[in-house]
Protein backbone atom coordinates (compact mmCIF):
# COMPACT_ATOMS: atom_id res chain seq x y z
CA UNK A 1 103.01 104.63 86.06
CA UNK A 2 99.50 104.96 85.21
CA UNK A 3 96.73 105.47 87.49
CA UNK A 4 95.55 102.02 86.77
CA UNK A 5 98.93 100.82 87.80
CA UNK A 6 98.93 103.16 91.20
CA UNK A 7 95.28 101.90 91.83
CA UNK A 8 96.41 98.30 91.75
CA UNK A 9 99.31 98.88 93.99
CA UNK A 10 97.34 100.46 96.45
CA UNK A 11 94.73 97.31 96.38
CA UNK A 12 97.39 94.53 96.38
CA UNK A 13 99.25 96.41 98.88
CA UNK A 14 95.93 96.48 101.34
CA UNK A 15 95.70 92.76 100.70
CA UNK A 16 99.32 91.81 101.24
CA UNK A 17 99.34 94.27 104.15
CA UNK A 18 96.46 92.71 106.03
CA UNK A 19 97.49 88.96 105.01
CA UNK A 20 100.92 89.88 106.46
CA UNK A 21 99.36 91.44 109.71
CA UNK A 22 97.19 88.33 110.26
CA UNK A 23 100.40 86.22 110.05
CA UNK A 24 102.06 88.25 112.62
CA UNK A 25 101.01 86.72 116.24
CA UNK A 26 99.37 88.81 118.74
CA UNK A 27 98.12 92.46 118.60
CA UNK A 28 100.23 95.08 116.54
CA UNK A 29 100.21 98.55 117.82
CA UNK A 30 100.66 100.12 114.12
CA UNK A 31 97.76 101.99 112.30
CA UNK A 32 95.99 101.11 109.31
CA UNK A 33 97.61 103.24 106.96
CA UNK A 34 101.16 102.01 107.96
CA UNK A 35 99.97 98.45 107.25
CA UNK A 36 98.83 99.57 103.88
CA UNK A 37 102.30 101.19 103.45
CA UNK A 38 104.24 98.31 104.49
CA UNK A 39 101.81 95.96 102.32
CA UNK A 40 102.87 98.21 99.18
CA UNK A 41 106.36 97.91 99.99
CA UNK A 42 106.39 94.48 100.22
CA UNK A 43 104.12 93.98 97.18
CA UNK A 44 106.87 95.83 95.06
CA UNK A 45 109.90 94.66 96.76
CA UNK A 46 108.36 90.48 96.66
CA UNK A 47 107.55 91.20 92.65
CA UNK A 48 111.31 92.07 92.38
CA UNK A 49 113.02 89.47 94.39
CA UNK A 50 110.16 86.89 92.35
CA UNK A 51 111.25 87.97 89.07
CA UNK A 52 115.03 87.84 90.29
CA UNK A 53 114.29 84.40 91.30
CA UNK A 54 112.24 83.95 87.96
CA UNK A 55 108.99 82.66 89.65
CA UNK A 56 106.91 86.19 89.03
CA UNK A 57 105.64 85.00 85.47
CA UNK A 58 103.78 81.20 85.94
CA UNK A 59 101.25 79.94 83.75
CA UNK A 60 98.60 79.80 86.76
CA UNK A 61 98.96 81.90 89.97
CA UNK A 62 102.19 83.08 91.35
CA UNK A 63 101.80 81.55 94.52
CA UNK A 64 105.38 81.98 95.41
CA UNK A 65 105.95 85.52 94.32
CA UNK A 66 102.59 85.74 96.96
CA UNK A 67 104.12 83.92 99.63
CA UNK A 68 107.40 86.22 99.45
CA UNK A 69 105.13 89.61 99.54
CA UNK A 70 103.25 88.17 102.48
CA UNK A 71 106.51 87.27 104.33
CA UNK A 72 107.91 90.63 103.38
CA UNK A 73 104.85 92.16 104.77
CA UNK A 74 104.92 89.97 108.07
CA UNK A 75 108.45 90.84 108.75
CA UNK A 76 108.13 94.50 108.16
CA UNK A 77 105.26 94.77 110.61
CA UNK A 78 106.65 93.09 112.98
CA UNK A 79 109.52 95.20 113.09
CA UNK A 80 107.59 98.40 112.93
CA UNK A 81 105.55 97.09 115.84
CA UNK A 82 108.64 96.01 118.15
CA UNK A 83 110.15 99.67 117.29
CA UNK A 84 106.88 101.17 118.18
CA UNK A 85 106.31 98.98 121.48
CA UNK A 86 109.92 100.01 122.89
CA UNK A 87 108.88 104.00 122.39
CA UNK A 88 105.59 103.51 124.63
């Protein structure tokens, strides 16, 4: 992977992580770095799922791929928040 691909993955991960965090109700007890990591993983996994479903490449914006990525980020953030909440 080239440096431009890594930078785009980080930027997309930040956006996906923040959007996923906004979807989850209440205050989350995870840090910004964890949010970004969850966003990056959700973006990569969501792209793979969208490709498998055949909805990754469309003529316009890839709304379905974005929705899959945001949903995965929200699930990841909610799951991590629950595990962090139990430890405290």
